[in-house]
């Protein structure tokens, strides 16, 4: 039976994910072996396979945990009793802040998503589509109410914002001139200006 905690007291699944995230970020998903993961985590291959069916499952979970967090936060902002302009701006800034706060997770995934097996890739695309649809729903709500311009289709507005978010990993540096919140505010403001009627 697999141990439920590792030598440092953390649950084994948490330890495996932390180690896999670090190794995938340093070496790349394709250049990291299962053996390297279990050695660095201080567990056996049996323990890894008890919690994760494959290295693909680890990669999927790296991204899924970030997407779950972002989906919960988007759901929170979307459900607020506030004007749609405020709800969208908060959601637009939040996805930037949470992406930067989970930089390795996002970077690993966008570098390695294409390496997932067909079923996992299908799951990820469905999860991401759900997020984008909820975000698009806020844009459409504002367009229908006349507070956002309807000149640009909502789908294109979503692609515009998330294109910027997905490229954060290629240029954002914590020691750079802008904080995560400043970047988030700038990108959210750009989105809101683009939607002005």
N, C-alpha and C. Protein backbone atom coordinates (compact mmCIF):
# COMPACT_ATOMS: atom_id res chain seq x y z
N UNK A 1 0.84 -1.19 0.00
CA UNK A 1 0.00 0.00 0.00
C UNK A 1 0.88 1.25 0.00
N UNK A 2 0.52 2.23 -0.83
CA UNK A 2 1.30 3.45 -0.93
C UNK A 2 1.15 4.29 0.33
N UNK A 3 2.27 4.92 0.71
CA UNK A 3 2.21 5.82 1.87
C UNK A 3 1.38 7.05 1.52
N UNK A 4 0.68 7.58 2.49
CA UNK A 4 -0.15 8.76 2.23
C UNK A 4 0.62 10.06 2.41
N UNK A 5 1.75 10.00 3.09
CA UNK A 5 2.59 11.18 3.23
C UNK A 5 4.02 10.83 2.87
N UNK A 6 4.77 11.85 2.48
CA UNK A 6 6.17 11.65 2.15
C UNK A 6 7.01 11.97 3.37
N UNK A 7 8.32 11.89 3.22
CA UNK A 7 9.23 12.13 4.33
C UNK A 7 9.09 13.51 4.93
N UNK A 8 8.67 14.50 4.16
CA UNK A 8 8.55 15.86 4.70
C UNK A 8 7.16 16.12 5.29
N UNK A 9 6.31 15.10 5.35
CA UNK A 9 5.00 15.25 5.97
C UNK A 9 3.88 15.66 5.02
N UNK A 10 4.24 16.06 3.82
CA UNK A 10 3.20 16.44 2.86
C UNK A 10 2.58 15.19 2.26
N UNK A 11 1.29 15.25 1.90
CA UNK A 11 0.68 14.10 1.22
C UNK A 11 1.45 13.76 -0.05
N UNK A 12 1.55 12.47 -0.33
CA UNK A 12 2.32 12.02 -1.49
C UNK A 12 1.84 12.66 -2.80
N UNK A 13 0.54 12.74 -3.07
CA UNK A 13 0.13 13.36 -4.33
C UNK A 13 0.60 14.81 -4.45
N UNK A 14 0.55 15.55 -3.35
CA UNK A 14 1.00 16.95 -3.35
C UNK A 14 2.50 17.02 -3.61
N UNK A 15 3.25 16.13 -2.97
CA UNK A 15 4.71 16.09 -3.15
C UNK A 15 5.06 15.73 -4.60
N UNK A 16 4.37 14.74 -5.16
CA UNK A 16 4.63 14.35 -6.54
C UNK A 16 4.34 15.49 -7.51
N UNK A 17 3.23 16.18 -7.29
CA UNK A 17 2.89 17.31 -8.15
C UNK A 17 3.90 18.44 -8.05
N UNK A 18 4.34 18.73 -6.84
CA UNK A 18 5.34 19.80 -6.65
C UNK A 18 6.64 19.46 -7.36
N UNK A 19 7.08 18.24 -7.20
CA UNK A 19 8.34 17.81 -7.83
C UNK A 19 8.18 17.78 -9.35
N UNK A 20 7.08 17.21 -9.83
CA UNK A 20 6.86 17.15 -11.28
C UNK A 20 6.80 18.55 -11.87
N UNK A 21 6.14 19.47 -11.20
CA UNK A 21 6.05 20.84 -11.69
C UNK A 21 7.44 21.45 -11.80
N UNK A 22 8.24 21.29 -10.76
CA UNK A 22 9.60 21.85 -10.78
C UNK A 22 10.43 21.23 -11.91
N UNK A 23 10.38 19.90 -12.03
CA UNK A 23 11.18 19.23 -13.06
C UNK A 23 10.69 19.55 -14.47
N UNK A 24 9.39 19.57 -14.67
CA UNK A 24 8.85 19.91 -15.99
C UNK A 24 9.25 21.33 -16.38
N UNK A 25 9.24 22.25 -15.40
CA UNK A 25 9.60 23.64 -15.69
C UNK A 25 11.09 23.75 -16.00
N UNK A 26 11.92 23.01 -15.27
CA UNK A 26 13.37 23.08 -15.47
C UNK A 26 13.83 22.35 -16.74
N UNK A 27 13.29 21.15 -16.97
CA UNK A 27 13.81 20.28 -18.03
C UNK A 27 12.88 20.11 -19.21
N UNK A 28 11.60 20.34 -18.99
CA UNK A 28 10.61 20.05 -20.01
C UNK A 28 9.93 18.72 -19.71
N UNK A 29 8.68 18.62 -20.07
CA UNK A 29 7.90 17.41 -19.83
C UNK A 29 8.54 16.20 -20.51
N UNK A 30 8.91 16.37 -21.76
CA UNK A 30 9.43 15.25 -22.55
C UNK A 30 10.81 14.80 -22.10
N UNK A 31 11.55 15.66 -21.41
CA UNK A 31 12.90 15.31 -20.96
C UNK A 31 12.96 14.93 -19.48
N UNK A 32 11.79 14.73 -18.88
CA UNK A 32 11.73 14.32 -17.47
C UNK A 32 11.15 12.92 -17.41
N UNK A 33 11.86 12.02 -16.78
CA UNK A 33 11.39 10.64 -16.69
C UNK A 33 10.59 10.42 -15.40
N UNK A 34 9.78 9.39 -15.41
CA UNK A 34 9.04 8.99 -14.21
C UNK A 34 10.03 8.67 -13.09
N UNK A 35 11.13 8.00 -13.43
CA UNK A 35 12.13 7.65 -12.43
C UNK A 35 12.70 8.89 -11.75
N UNK A 36 12.96 9.95 -12.52
CA UNK A 36 13.49 11.19 -11.94
C UNK A 36 12.46 11.82 -10.99
N UNK A 37 11.21 11.75 -11.36
CA UNK A 37 10.15 12.31 -10.52
C UNK A 37 10.06 11.58 -9.19
N UNK A 38 10.01 10.25 -9.25
CA UNK A 38 9.85 9.50 -8.00
C UNK A 38 11.09 9.61 -7.11
N UNK A 39 12.28 9.64 -7.71
CA UNK A 39 13.50 9.80 -6.91
C UNK A 39 13.50 11.16 -6.21
N UNK A 40 13.16 12.21 -6.94
CA UNK A 40 13.14 13.55 -6.35
C UNK A 40 12.05 13.69 -5.29
N UNK A 41 10.95 12.97 -5.47
CA UNK A 41 9.86 13.02 -4.50
C UNK A 41 10.08 12.09 -3.32
N UNK A 42 11.04 11.19 -3.45
CA UNK A 42 11.32 10.25 -2.37
C UNK A 42 10.26 9.18 -2.20
N UNK A 43 9.67 8.76 -3.32
CA UNK A 43 8.64 7.72 -3.29
C UNK A 43 8.97 6.67 -4.34
N UNK A 44 8.18 5.62 -4.38
CA UNK A 44 8.38 4.57 -5.37
C UNK A 44 7.51 4.82 -6.60
N UNK A 45 7.82 4.13 -7.68
CA UNK A 45 6.96 4.21 -8.87
C UNK A 45 5.56 3.72 -8.53
N UNK A 46 5.48 2.72 -7.67
CA UNK A 46 4.17 2.22 -7.26
C UNK A 46 3.33 3.31 -6.61
N UNK A 47 3.97 4.16 -5.82
CA UNK A 47 3.24 5.27 -5.17
C UNK A 47 2.74 6.25 -6.22
N UNK A 48 3.61 6.56 -7.19
CA UNK A 48 3.17 7.48 -8.25
C UNK A 48 1.96 6.91 -8.98
N UNK A 49 2.06 5.64 -9.37
CA UNK A 49 0.97 5.03 -10.15
C UNK A 49 -0.28 4.77 -9.30
N UNK A 50 -0.12 4.79 -7.99
CA UNK A 50 -1.29 4.69 -7.12
C UNK A 50 -2.15 5.95 -7.21
N UNK A 51 -1.48 7.10 -7.34
CA UNK A 51 -2.20 8.38 -7.37
C UNK A 51 -2.38 8.93 -8.78
N UNK A 52 -1.46 8.63 -9.66
CA UNK A 52 -1.51 9.13 -11.04
C UNK A 52 -1.25 7.95 -11.97
N UNK A 53 -2.10 7.76 -12.94
CA UNK A 53 -1.98 6.61 -13.82
C UNK A 53 -0.80 6.68 -14.76
N UNK A 54 -0.28 7.90 -14.98
CA UNK A 54 0.81 8.07 -15.95
C UNK A 54 1.44 9.44 -15.78
N UNK A 55 2.53 9.65 -16.48
CA UNK A 55 3.15 10.98 -16.51
C UNK A 55 2.19 11.98 -17.15
N UNK A 56 1.41 11.54 -18.13
CA UNK A 56 0.36 12.38 -18.73
C UNK A 56 -0.61 12.89 -17.68
N UNK A 57 -0.96 12.01 -16.73
CA UNK A 57 -1.89 12.41 -15.67
C UNK A 57 -1.30 13.51 -14.81
N UNK A 58 0.01 13.44 -14.56
CA UNK A 58 0.67 14.50 -13.81
C UNK A 58 0.62 15.82 -14.58
N UNK A 59 0.92 15.77 -15.88
CA UNK A 59 0.87 16.98 -16.70
C UNK A 59 -0.54 17.56 -16.71
N UNK A 60 -1.51 16.69 -16.87
CA UNK A 60 -2.91 17.15 -16.88
C UNK A 60 -3.25 17.82 -15.56
N UNK A 61 -2.83 17.24 -14.45
CA UNK A 61 -3.17 17.80 -13.13
C UNK A 61 -2.45 19.13 -12.89
N UNK A 62 -1.25 19.29 -13.41
CA UNK A 62 -0.55 20.58 -13.28
C UNK A 62 -1.43 21.70 -13.81
N UNK A 63 -2.01 21.47 -14.98
CA UNK A 63 -2.85 22.50 -15.57
C UNK A 63 -4.24 22.52 -14.96
N UNK A 64 -4.79 21.35 -14.67
CA UNK A 64 -6.16 21.27 -14.16
C UNK A 64 -6.31 22.00 -12.84
N UNK A 65 -5.27 21.93 -11.99
CA UNK A 65 -5.40 22.62 -10.70
C UNK A 65 -5.43 24.13 -10.89
N UNK A 66 -4.68 24.65 -11.85
CA UNK A 66 -4.73 26.08 -12.15
C UNK A 66 -6.08 26.45 -12.75
N UNK A 67 -6.55 25.65 -13.67
CA UNK A 67 -7.83 25.94 -14.30
C UNK A 67 -8.98 25.86 -13.30
N UNK A 68 -8.92 24.90 -12.37
CA UNK A 68 -9.96 24.82 -11.33
C UNK A 68 -9.99 26.09 -10.49
N UNK A 69 -8.81 26.55 -10.10
CA UNK A 69 -8.73 27.79 -9.33
C UNK A 69 -9.31 28.95 -10.11
N UNK A 70 -8.89 29.07 -11.37
CA UNK A 70 -9.36 30.19 -12.17
C UNK A 70 -10.86 30.09 -12.45
N UNK A 71 -11.37 28.88 -12.64
CA UNK A 71 -12.81 28.71 -12.88
C UNK A 71 -13.61 29.12 -11.63
N UNK A 72 -13.14 28.70 -10.46
CA UNK A 72 -13.82 29.08 -9.22
C UNK A 72 -13.85 30.59 -9.05
N UNK A 73 -12.73 31.23 -9.35
CA UNK A 73 -12.65 32.69 -9.19
C UNK A 73 -13.51 33.40 -10.24
N UNK A 74 -13.50 32.91 -11.46
CA UNK A 74 -14.36 33.50 -12.49
C UNK A 74 -15.82 33.35 -12.12
N UNK A 75 -16.20 32.17 -11.65
CA UNK A 75 -17.58 31.94 -11.23
C UNK A 75 -17.98 32.93 -10.12
N UNK A 76 -17.05 33.19 -9.21
CA UNK A 76 -17.30 34.15 -8.13
C UNK A 76 -17.56 35.54 -8.71
N UNK A 77 -16.66 36.01 -9.57
CA UNK A 77 -16.82 37.36 -10.14
C UNK A 77 -18.08 37.45 -10.99
N UNK A 78 -18.34 36.43 -11.78
CA UNK A 78 -19.51 36.46 -12.67
C UNK A 78 -20.80 36.53 -11.88
N UNK A 79 -20.83 35.93 -10.68
CA UNK A 79 -22.05 35.87 -9.88
C UNK A 79 -22.24 37.07 -8.96
N UNK A 80 -21.28 37.99 -8.90
CA UNK A 80 -21.41 39.14 -8.02
C UNK A 80 -22.63 39.98 -8.39
N UNK A 81 -23.19 40.62 -7.40
CA UNK A 81 -24.29 41.56 -7.64
C UNK A 81 -23.66 42.93 -7.90
N UNK A 82 -23.16 43.09 -9.12
CA UNK A 82 -22.43 44.31 -9.50
C UNK A 82 -22.60 44.52 -11.00
N UNK A 83 -22.36 45.74 -11.47
CA UNK A 83 -22.46 45.99 -12.91
C UNK A 83 -21.53 45.07 -13.70
N UNK A 84 -21.96 44.71 -14.89
CA UNK A 84 -21.18 43.77 -15.70
C UNK A 84 -19.78 44.32 -16.01
N UNK A 85 -19.66 45.64 -16.13
CA UNK A 85 -18.34 46.23 -16.40
C UNK A 85 -17.36 45.90 -15.28
N UNK A 86 -17.82 45.99 -14.05
CA UNK A 86 -16.96 45.68 -12.91
C UNK A 86 -16.65 44.20 -12.85
N UNK A 87 -17.66 43.36 -13.05
CA UNK A 87 -17.45 41.91 -12.99
C UNK A 87 -16.46 41.45 -14.05
N UNK A 88 -16.60 41.97 -15.28
CA UNK A 88 -15.67 41.57 -16.34
C UNK A 88 -14.26 42.07 -16.07
N UNK A 89 -14.14 43.31 -15.63
CA UNK A 89 -12.80 43.85 -15.38
C UNK A 89 -12.09 43.07 -14.28
N UNK A 90 -12.83 42.75 -13.21
CA UNK A 90 -12.24 41.96 -12.12
C UNK A 90 -11.81 40.58 -12.61
N UNK A 91 -12.66 39.94 -13.40
CA UNK A 91 -12.33 38.61 -13.94
C UNK A 91 -11.13 38.69 -14.88
N UNK A 92 -11.08 39.73 -15.71
CA UNK A 92 -9.98 39.89 -16.67
C UNK A 92 -8.66 40.11 -15.95
N UNK A 93 -8.66 40.89 -14.87
CA UNK A 93 -7.44 41.12 -14.11
C UNK A 93 -7.05 39.87 -13.32
N UNK A 94 -8.05 39.19 -12.76
CA UNK A 94 -7.78 38.02 -11.93
C UNK A 94 -7.08 36.90 -12.71
N UNK A 95 -7.49 36.66 -13.93
CA UNK A 95 -6.86 35.58 -14.70
C UNK A 95 -5.38 35.89 -14.97
N UNK A 96 -5.05 37.16 -15.07
CA UNK A 96 -3.65 37.55 -15.24
C UNK A 96 -2.87 37.30 -13.94
N UNK A 97 -3.42 37.75 -12.83
CA UNK A 97 -2.74 37.59 -11.54
C UNK A 97 -2.55 36.11 -11.20
N UNK A 98 -3.59 35.30 -11.40
CA UNK A 98 -3.47 33.88 -11.05
C UNK A 98 -2.55 33.13 -12.01
N UNK A 99 -2.49 33.56 -13.26
CA UNK A 99 -1.55 32.94 -14.21
C UNK A 99 -0.12 33.25 -13.81
N UNK A 100 0.13 34.50 -13.44
CA UNK A 100 1.49 34.88 -13.02
C UNK A 100 1.85 34.18 -11.70
N UNK A 101 0.90 34.11 -10.77
CA UNK A 101 1.17 33.45 -9.49
C UNK A 101 1.47 31.96 -9.65
N UNK A 102 0.96 31.38 -10.73
CA UNK A 102 1.18 29.96 -11.03
C UNK A 102 1.95 29.84 -12.34
N UNK A 103 2.97 30.65 -12.44
CA UNK A 103 3.75 30.79 -13.67
C UNK A 103 4.23 29.46 -14.23
N UNK A 104 4.83 28.63 -13.38
CA UNK A 104 5.37 27.35 -13.87
C UNK A 104 4.26 26.46 -14.44
N UNK A 105 3.14 26.40 -13.73
CA UNK A 105 2.03 25.56 -14.19
C UNK A 105 1.58 25.98 -15.59
N UNK A 106 1.38 27.28 -15.76
CA UNK A 106 0.91 27.79 -17.06
C UNK A 106 1.95 27.57 -18.14
N UNK A 107 3.20 27.87 -17.83
CA UNK A 107 4.28 27.74 -18.81
C UNK A 107 4.45 26.28 -19.24
N UNK A 108 4.47 25.38 -18.29
CA UNK A 108 4.61 23.95 -18.59
C UNK A 108 3.49 23.51 -19.52
N UNK A 109 2.30 23.89 -19.16
CA UNK A 109 1.18 23.41 -19.92
C UNK A 109 1.20 23.92 -21.35
N UNK A 110 1.46 25.20 -21.55
CA UNK A 110 1.43 25.72 -22.91
C UNK A 110 2.60 25.22 -23.74
N UNK A 111 3.68 24.84 -23.08
CA UNK A 111 4.79 24.22 -23.81
C UNK A 111 4.50 22.77 -24.17
N UNK A 112 3.71 22.10 -23.31
CA UNK A 112 3.61 20.64 -23.40
C UNK A 112 2.22 20.09 -23.67
N UNK A 113 1.21 20.94 -23.78
CA UNK A 113 -0.16 20.46 -23.96
C UNK A 113 -0.27 19.47 -25.12
N UNK A 114 0.44 19.74 -26.20
CA UNK A 114 0.35 18.89 -27.39
C UNK A 114 0.88 17.48 -27.14
N UNK A 115 1.57 17.28 -26.02
CA UNK A 115 2.12 15.96 -25.71
C UNK A 115 1.13 15.07 -24.97
N UNK A 116 0.01 15.61 -24.55
CA UNK A 116 -1.00 14.80 -23.88
C UNK A 116 -1.61 13.80 -24.84
N UNK A 117 -2.06 12.68 -24.30
CA UNK A 117 -2.79 11.71 -25.10
C UNK A 117 -4.12 12.28 -25.55
N UNK A 118 -4.74 11.68 -26.55
CA UNK A 118 -5.97 12.23 -27.11
C UNK A 118 -7.10 12.44 -26.11
N UNK A 119 -7.29 11.52 -25.18
CA UNK A 119 -8.38 11.67 -24.20
C UNK A 119 -8.12 12.81 -23.23
N UNK A 120 -6.90 12.90 -22.73
CA UNK A 120 -6.56 13.99 -21.81
C UNK A 120 -6.63 15.34 -22.52
N UNK A 121 -6.18 15.37 -23.75
CA UNK A 121 -6.23 16.61 -24.53
C UNK A 121 -7.68 17.05 -24.73
N UNK A 122 -8.55 16.09 -24.99
CA UNK A 122 -9.98 16.38 -25.15
C UNK A 122 -10.56 16.94 -23.85
N UNK A 123 -10.19 16.35 -22.71
CA UNK A 123 -10.66 16.83 -21.41
C UNK A 123 -10.21 18.27 -21.16
N UNK A 124 -8.94 18.53 -21.43
CA UNK A 124 -8.38 19.86 -21.18
C UNK A 124 -9.08 20.90 -22.06
N UNK A 125 -9.27 20.56 -23.30
CA UNK A 125 -9.94 21.51 -24.20
C UNK A 125 -11.37 21.80 -23.74
N UNK A 126 -12.06 20.78 -23.23
CA UNK A 126 -13.41 20.97 -22.73
C UNK A 126 -13.41 21.85 -21.48
N UNK A 127 -12.44 21.63 -20.58
CA UNK A 127 -12.33 22.45 -19.37
C UNK A 127 -12.03 23.90 -19.72
N UNK A 128 -11.12 24.10 -20.64
CA UNK A 128 -10.75 25.46 -21.03
C UNK A 128 -11.91 26.14 -21.77
N UNK A 129 -12.61 25.38 -22.59
CA UNK A 129 -13.77 25.93 -23.31
C UNK A 129 -14.83 26.40 -22.33
N UNK A 130 -15.08 25.63 -21.27
CA UNK A 130 -16.06 26.03 -20.25
C UNK A 130 -15.67 27.37 -19.63
N UNK A 131 -14.39 27.52 -19.32
CA UNK A 131 -13.90 28.78 -18.74
C UNK A 131 -14.13 29.93 -19.73
N UNK A 132 -13.70 29.73 -20.96
CA UNK A 132 -13.83 30.79 -21.97
C UNK A 132 -15.29 31.14 -22.23
N UNK A 133 -16.16 30.15 -22.20
CA UNK A 133 -17.59 30.41 -22.42
C UNK A 133 -18.18 31.25 -21.29
N UNK A 134 -17.75 30.99 -20.06
CA UNK A 134 -18.25 31.80 -18.93
C UNK A 134 -17.75 33.24 -19.06
N UNK A 135 -16.50 33.40 -19.45
CA UNK A 135 -15.92 34.72 -19.66
C UNK A 135 -16.64 35.43 -20.81
N UNK A 136 -16.85 34.71 -21.90
CA UNK A 136 -17.57 35.27 -23.05
C UNK A 136 -18.99 35.68 -22.67
N UNK A 137 -19.61 34.91 -21.76
CA UNK A 137 -20.95 35.24 -21.30
C UNK A 137 -21.03 36.63 -20.68
N UNK A 138 -19.99 37.02 -19.96
CA UNK A 138 -19.96 38.38 -19.39
C UNK A 138 -19.88 39.43 -20.50
N UNK A 139 -19.08 39.17 -21.50
CA UNK A 139 -18.97 40.11 -22.63
C UNK A 139 -20.31 40.22 -23.34
N UNK A 140 -20.93 39.10 -23.61
CA UNK A 140 -22.22 39.10 -24.30
C UNK A 140 -23.30 39.79 -23.47
N UNK A 141 -23.24 39.60 -22.16
CA UNK A 141 -24.20 40.28 -21.28
C UNK A 141 -24.06 41.80 -21.43
N UNK A 142 -22.82 42.28 -21.40
CA UNK A 142 -22.58 43.71 -21.54
C UNK A 142 -22.93 44.22 -22.92
N UNK A 143 -22.69 43.42 -23.95
CA UNK A 143 -23.06 43.82 -25.31
C UNK A 143 -24.58 43.91 -25.45
N UNK A 144 -25.29 42.94 -24.89
CA UNK A 144 -26.75 42.94 -24.97
C UNK A 144 -27.35 44.13 -24.22
N UNK A 145 -26.69 44.54 -23.14
CA UNK A 145 -27.18 45.67 -22.34
C UNK A 145 -26.76 47.01 -22.93
N UNK A 146 -25.90 46.99 -23.95
CA UNK A 146 -25.46 48.23 -24.57
C UNK A 146 -24.32 48.93 -23.85
N UNK A 147 -23.76 48.29 -22.81
CA UNK A 147 -22.63 48.92 -22.11
C UNK A 147 -21.29 48.57 -22.75
N UNK A 148 -21.26 47.53 -23.57
CA UNK A 148 -20.07 47.17 -24.36
C UNK A 148 -20.42 47.28 -25.83
N UNK A 149 -19.44 47.64 -26.62
CA UNK A 149 -19.63 47.66 -28.06
C UNK A 149 -19.84 46.24 -28.58
N UNK A 150 -20.74 46.11 -29.53
CA UNK A 150 -20.98 44.82 -30.17
C UNK A 150 -20.31 44.77 -31.54
N UNK A 151 -19.46 45.76 -31.83
CA UNK A 151 -18.80 45.83 -33.14
C UNK A 151 -17.86 44.65 -33.36
N UNK A 152 -17.25 44.15 -32.29
CA UNK A 152 -16.35 43.00 -32.37
C UNK A 152 -17.05 41.80 -31.74
N UNK A 153 -17.09 40.67 -32.44
CA UNK A 153 -17.74 39.48 -31.86
C UNK A 153 -17.10 39.09 -30.53
N UNK A 154 -17.94 38.64 -29.61
CA UNK A 154 -17.46 38.28 -28.27
C UNK A 154 -16.36 37.22 -28.31
N UNK A 155 -16.47 36.27 -29.23
CA UNK A 155 -15.43 35.22 -29.34
C UNK A 155 -14.07 35.83 -29.63
N UNK A 156 -14.05 36.83 -30.50
CA UNK A 156 -12.78 37.47 -30.86
C UNK A 156 -12.23 38.27 -29.68
N UNK A 157 -13.10 38.89 -28.91
CA UNK A 157 -12.67 39.62 -27.72
C UNK A 157 -12.02 38.64 -26.72
N UNK A 158 -12.64 37.48 -26.54
CA UNK A 158 -12.07 36.45 -25.65
C UNK A 158 -10.69 36.03 -26.16
N UNK A 159 -10.57 35.75 -27.45
CA UNK A 159 -9.27 35.35 -28.02
C UNK A 159 -8.22 36.43 -27.82
N UNK A 160 -8.63 37.68 -27.97
CA UNK A 160 -7.72 38.83 -27.80
C UNK A 160 -7.14 38.84 -26.39
N UNK A 161 -8.02 38.74 -25.40
CA UNK A 161 -7.54 38.81 -24.01
C UNK A 161 -6.70 37.58 -23.64
N UNK A 162 -7.18 36.40 -23.99
CA UNK A 162 -6.47 35.20 -23.58
C UNK A 162 -5.20 34.97 -24.39
N UNK A 163 -5.12 35.54 -25.57
CA UNK A 163 -3.85 35.50 -26.31
C UNK A 163 -2.76 36.19 -25.50
N UNK A 164 -3.11 37.34 -24.91
CA UNK A 164 -2.14 38.06 -24.07
C UNK A 164 -1.82 37.26 -22.81
N UNK A 165 -2.83 36.68 -22.19
CA UNK A 165 -2.62 35.90 -20.96
C UNK A 165 -1.71 34.70 -21.24
N UNK A 166 -1.94 34.01 -22.34
CA UNK A 166 -1.17 32.81 -22.63
C UNK A 166 0.29 33.10 -22.97
N UNK A 167 0.60 34.34 -23.31
CA UNK A 167 1.99 34.69 -23.61
C UNK A 167 2.74 35.28 -22.43
N UNK A 168 2.08 35.39 -21.28
CA UNK A 168 2.75 35.95 -20.11
C UNK A 168 4.03 35.20 -19.76
N UNK A 169 3.98 33.89 -19.88
CA UNK A 169 5.14 33.07 -19.52
C UNK A 169 6.36 33.34 -20.36
N UNK A 170 6.18 33.89 -21.55
CA UNK A 170 7.34 34.13 -22.42
C UNK A 170 8.04 35.45 -22.11
N UNK A 171 7.39 36.35 -21.38
CA UNK A 171 8.05 37.63 -21.12
C UNK A 171 7.97 38.15 -19.69
N UNK A 172 6.98 37.75 -18.91
CA UNK A 172 6.85 38.32 -17.57
C UNK A 172 7.95 37.81 -16.65
N UNK A 173 8.55 38.72 -15.90
CA UNK A 173 9.57 38.37 -14.91
C UNK A 173 9.20 39.03 -13.59
N UNK A 174 9.19 38.28 -12.50
CA UNK A 174 8.84 38.86 -11.19
C UNK A 174 9.72 40.04 -10.80
N UNK A 175 10.97 40.04 -11.27
CA UNK A 175 11.88 41.14 -10.93
C UNK A 175 11.86 42.25 -11.98
N UNK A 176 10.90 42.19 -12.90
CA UNK A 176 10.78 43.21 -13.93
C UNK A 176 10.17 44.50 -13.41
N UNK A 177 9.94 45.46 -14.29
CA UNK A 177 9.47 46.78 -13.86
C UNK A 177 8.02 46.83 -13.40
N UNK A 178 7.21 45.83 -13.73
CA UNK A 178 5.79 45.82 -13.37
C UNK A 178 5.47 44.65 -12.46
N UNK A 179 4.66 44.91 -11.45
CA UNK A 179 4.19 43.82 -10.58
C UNK A 179 3.11 43.04 -11.32
N UNK A 180 2.77 41.89 -10.79
CA UNK A 180 1.69 41.09 -11.39
C UNK A 180 0.39 41.89 -11.43
N UNK A 181 0.09 42.61 -10.35
CA UNK A 181 -1.15 43.38 -10.31
C UNK A 181 -1.12 44.52 -11.32
N UNK A 182 0.02 45.15 -11.52
CA UNK A 182 0.12 46.23 -12.50
C UNK A 182 -0.10 45.70 -13.92
N UNK A 183 0.50 44.55 -14.22
CA UNK A 183 0.27 43.94 -15.53
C UNK A 183 -1.21 43.60 -15.69
N UNK A 184 -1.79 43.03 -14.65
CA UNK A 184 -3.21 42.66 -14.68
C UNK A 184 -4.08 43.88 -14.92
N UNK A 185 -3.78 44.96 -14.23
CA UNK A 185 -4.58 46.19 -14.39
C UNK A 185 -4.45 46.74 -15.81
N UNK A 186 -3.24 46.76 -16.35
CA UNK A 186 -3.05 47.26 -17.71
C UNK A 186 -3.81 46.42 -18.73
N UNK A 187 -3.69 45.10 -18.62
CA UNK A 187 -4.36 44.23 -19.60
C UNK A 187 -5.88 44.30 -19.45
N UNK A 188 -6.38 44.37 -18.22
CA UNK A 188 -7.82 44.50 -18.01
C UNK A 188 -8.32 45.84 -18.56
N UNK A 189 -7.54 46.90 -18.35
CA UNK A 189 -7.94 48.21 -18.87
C UNK A 189 -7.94 48.22 -20.41
N UNK A 190 -6.97 47.55 -21.01
CA UNK A 190 -6.95 47.44 -22.48
C UNK A 190 -8.22 46.76 -22.98
N UNK A 191 -8.60 45.68 -22.30
CA UNK A 191 -9.81 44.96 -22.69
C UNK A 191 -11.02 45.85 -22.56
N UNK A 192 -11.14 46.56 -21.45
CA UNK A 192 -12.31 47.41 -21.23
C UNK A 192 -12.37 48.55 -22.24
N UNK A 193 -11.19 49.11 -22.60
CA UNK A 193 -11.19 50.17 -23.62
C UNK A 193 -11.63 49.64 -24.97
N UNK A 194 -11.23 48.41 -25.27
CA UNK A 194 -11.60 47.80 -26.55
C UNK A 194 -13.11 47.56 -26.64
N UNK A 195 -13.77 47.47 -25.49
CA UNK A 195 -15.21 47.19 -25.46
C UNK A 195 -16.08 48.44 -25.32
N UNK A 196 -15.44 49.59 -25.23
CA UNK A 196 -16.25 50.81 -25.07
C UNK A 196 -17.17 50.99 -26.27
N UNK A 197 -18.44 51.36 -26.00
CA UNK A 197 -19.39 51.58 -27.13
C UNK A 197 -19.05 52.86 -27.91
